């Protein structure tokens, strides 16, 4: 009995992987594909052969976006929270002839922190008028529980 218990524990520990589990979203190895794209030499068809179809296309200009995002599990103490390991965005701009005009690779270092505005705006209307009184009484009647008629 004891030998079977040790045997089961041994196989359970073998199944536990030391490698961290990672979730990949988007295209892989954008950095290496970025180097293969040459400005004023590579066209749209070449970019499709190198990387594939874009993740997103700009409606206004002829710009293609490719996204690569990788999240990995943190330590066991973090209880399965995921950490952003890679967040690469490849931006390719084409001219009217379909040739690469500009290319840019954004990564975790280029990400901007979004700051929230601290200023609040004040209301320009007053709630002490006839219309707000009528609407508030209607709201109270709608939200009130229905009465059963006997």
Protein backbone atom coordinates (compact mmCIF):
# COMPACT_ATOMS: atom_id res chain seq x y z
CA UNK A 1 0.00 0.00 0.00
CA UNK A 2 2.77 2.37 0.95
CA UNK A 3 4.71 1.50 -2.20
CA UNK A 4 1.68 2.27 -4.40
CA UNK A 5 1.20 5.61 -2.64
CA UNK A 6 4.85 6.57 -3.24
CA UNK A 7 4.58 5.41 -6.85
CA UNK A 8 1.52 7.66 -7.45
CA UNK A 9 3.21 10.66 -5.81
CA UNK A 10 6.31 10.06 -7.95
CA UNK A 11 4.28 10.18 -11.19
CA UNK A 12 2.33 13.23 -10.05
CA UNK A 13 5.54 15.15 -9.43
CA UNK A 14 6.87 14.11 -12.85
CA UNK A 15 3.81 15.64 -14.48
CA UNK A 16 4.42 19.00 -12.80
CA UNK A 17 6.39 21.08 -15.24
CA UNK A 18 9.14 23.48 -14.28
CA UNK A 19 8.46 25.55 -17.39
CA UNK A 20 5.98 28.37 -17.01
CA UNK A 21 2.74 28.16 -18.97
CA UNK A 22 2.41 30.96 -21.47
CA UNK A 23 -0.47 32.16 -23.63
CA UNK A 24 0.45 33.61 -27.00
CA UNK A 25 -1.90 35.87 -28.93
CA UNK A 26 -1.16 37.09 -32.43
CA UNK A 27 1.92 36.47 -34.56
CA UNK A 28 5.14 34.83 -33.38
CA UNK A 29 8.67 36.18 -33.78
CA UNK A 30 7.73 39.62 -35.08
CA UNK A 31 11.22 40.94 -34.25
CA UNK A 32 12.92 38.63 -36.75
CA UNK A 33 10.27 39.28 -39.41
CA UNK A 34 10.67 43.03 -38.82
CA UNK A 35 14.29 42.81 -39.99
CA UNK A 36 13.28 41.09 -43.27
CA UNK A 37 11.09 44.04 -44.30
CA UNK A 38 13.09 46.63 -46.26
CA UNK A 39 11.80 50.18 -46.75
CA UNK A 40 11.13 51.13 -50.42
CA UNK A 41 11.90 47.54 -51.55
CA UNK A 42 9.28 45.33 -49.93
CA UNK A 43 5.69 45.53 -51.17
CA UNK A 44 2.34 44.37 -49.72
CA UNK A 45 2.57 40.91 -51.30
CA UNK A 46 6.06 40.39 -49.84
CA UNK A 47 4.84 41.42 -46.40
CA UNK A 48 1.98 38.93 -46.66
CA UNK A 49 4.48 36.19 -47.58
CA UNK A 50 6.83 37.10 -44.71
CA UNK A 51 4.31 37.65 -41.90
CA UNK A 52 0.84 36.87 -43.19
CA UNK A 53 -2.39 38.86 -43.16
CA UNK A 54 -2.41 41.84 -40.78
CA UNK A 55 -4.15 41.84 -37.41
CA UNK A 56 -5.73 45.19 -38.21
CA UNK A 57 -5.78 47.63 -41.13
CA UNK A 58 -6.20 51.39 -40.84
CA UNK A 59 -9.29 52.79 -42.56
CA UNK A 60 -7.81 56.23 -43.23
CA UNK A 61 -4.23 55.58 -44.34
CA UNK A 62 -2.64 52.48 -45.81
CA UNK A 63 -1.21 51.17 -42.52
CA UNK A 64 -1.08 47.56 -41.37
CA UNK A 65 -0.76 46.44 -37.74
CA UNK A 66 0.65 43.13 -36.50
CA UNK A 67 0.28 42.20 -32.83
CA UNK A 68 2.22 39.72 -30.69
CA UNK A 69 1.28 39.33 -27.02
CA UNK A 70 2.61 36.75 -24.60
CA UNK A 71 1.43 36.28 -21.02
CA UNK A 72 3.11 33.87 -18.60
CA UNK A 73 2.10 32.60 -15.20
CA UNK A 74 3.88 34.10 -12.24
CA UNK A 75 5.02 32.24 -9.15
CA UNK A 76 2.76 29.92 -7.21
CA UNK A 77 2.44 32.57 -4.50
CA UNK A 78 0.72 34.94 -6.98
CA UNK A 79 -2.11 32.37 -7.35
CA UNK A 80 -2.14 32.10 -11.14
CA UNK A 81 -1.93 35.77 -12.00
CA UNK A 82 -0.45 36.31 -15.43
CA UNK A 83 2.42 38.64 -16.24
CA UNK A 84 2.83 40.37 -19.59
CA UNK A 85 6.07 38.97 -21.01
CA UNK A 86 5.86 40.33 -24.58
CA UNK A 87 3.72 42.99 -26.16
CA UNK A 88 5.05 43.76 -29.63
CA UNK A 89 3.19 45.78 -32.23
CA UNK A 90 4.56 46.08 -35.76
CA UNK A 91 3.27 49.09 -37.70
CA UNK A 92 3.89 49.10 -41.47
CA UNK A 93 2.92 52.10 -43.58
CA UNK A 94 2.60 51.75 -47.35
CA UNK A 95 2.71 54.40 -50.07
CA UNK A 96 0.17 54.62 -52.92
CA UNK A 97 2.15 52.11 -55.01
CA UNK A 98 2.03 49.47 -52.25
CA UNK A 99 5.68 49.76 -51.24
CA UNK A 100 6.76 49.97 -47.59
CA UNK A 101 7.11 53.64 -46.72
CA UNK A 102 7.79 53.28 -42.99
CA UNK A 103 8.00 50.51 -40.40
CA UNK A 104 8.03 50.69 -36.62
CA UNK A 105 8.24 48.05 -33.89
CA UNK A 106 6.77 48.91 -30.50
CA UNK A 107 7.51 46.74 -27.45
CA UNK A 108 7.01 46.85 -23.68
CA UNK A 109 9.56 49.66 -23.31
CA UNK A 110 7.64 51.87 -25.77
CA UNK A 111 4.28 51.46 -24.03
CA UNK A 112 2.82 54.62 -22.54
CA UNK A 113 1.07 54.67 -19.20
CA UNK A 114 -2.40 56.13 -19.44
CA UNK A 115 -2.98 58.86 -16.89
CA UNK A 116 -6.48 59.66 -15.76
CA UNK A 117 -7.70 63.22 -15.64
CA UNK A 118 -8.07 64.51 -12.10
CA UNK A 119 -10.28 67.46 -13.03
CA UNK A 120 -14.06 67.02 -12.85
CA UNK A 121 -16.62 69.10 -14.68
CA UNK A 122 -19.52 70.78 -12.95
CA UNK A 123 -23.12 70.52 -14.06
CA UNK A 124 -24.56 73.53 -15.81
CA UNK A 125 -28.19 72.69 -15.05
CA UNK A 126 -30.12 72.97 -11.83
CA UNK A 127 -32.20 70.13 -10.46
CA UNK A 128 -34.68 72.44 -8.74
CA UNK A 129 -36.95 72.97 -11.72
CA UNK A 130 -40.40 71.68 -12.69
CA UNK A 131 -39.21 69.20 -15.31
CA UNK A 132 -36.80 67.43 -12.95
CA UNK A 133 -39.58 67.19 -10.32
CA UNK A 134 -41.95 65.56 -12.81
CA UNK A 135 -39.29 63.13 -14.03
CA UNK A 136 -38.23 62.19 -10.50
CA UNK A 137 -41.84 61.40 -9.47
CA UNK A 138 -42.27 59.29 -12.61
CA UNK A 139 -39.04 57.47 -11.81
CA UNK A 140 -40.24 56.78 -8.26
CA UNK A 141 -43.54 55.37 -9.55
CA UNK A 142 -41.75 53.13 -12.06
CA UNK A 143 -39.24 51.85 -9.51
CA UNK A 144 -41.86 51.32 -6.76
CA UNK A 145 -43.00 47.74 -6.22
CA UNK A 146 -46.27 46.91 -7.91
CA UNK A 147 -49.33 46.70 -5.72
CA UNK A 148 -51.70 43.81 -6.06
CA UNK A 149 -55.33 44.68 -6.37
CA UNK A 150 -57.74 42.71 -4.16
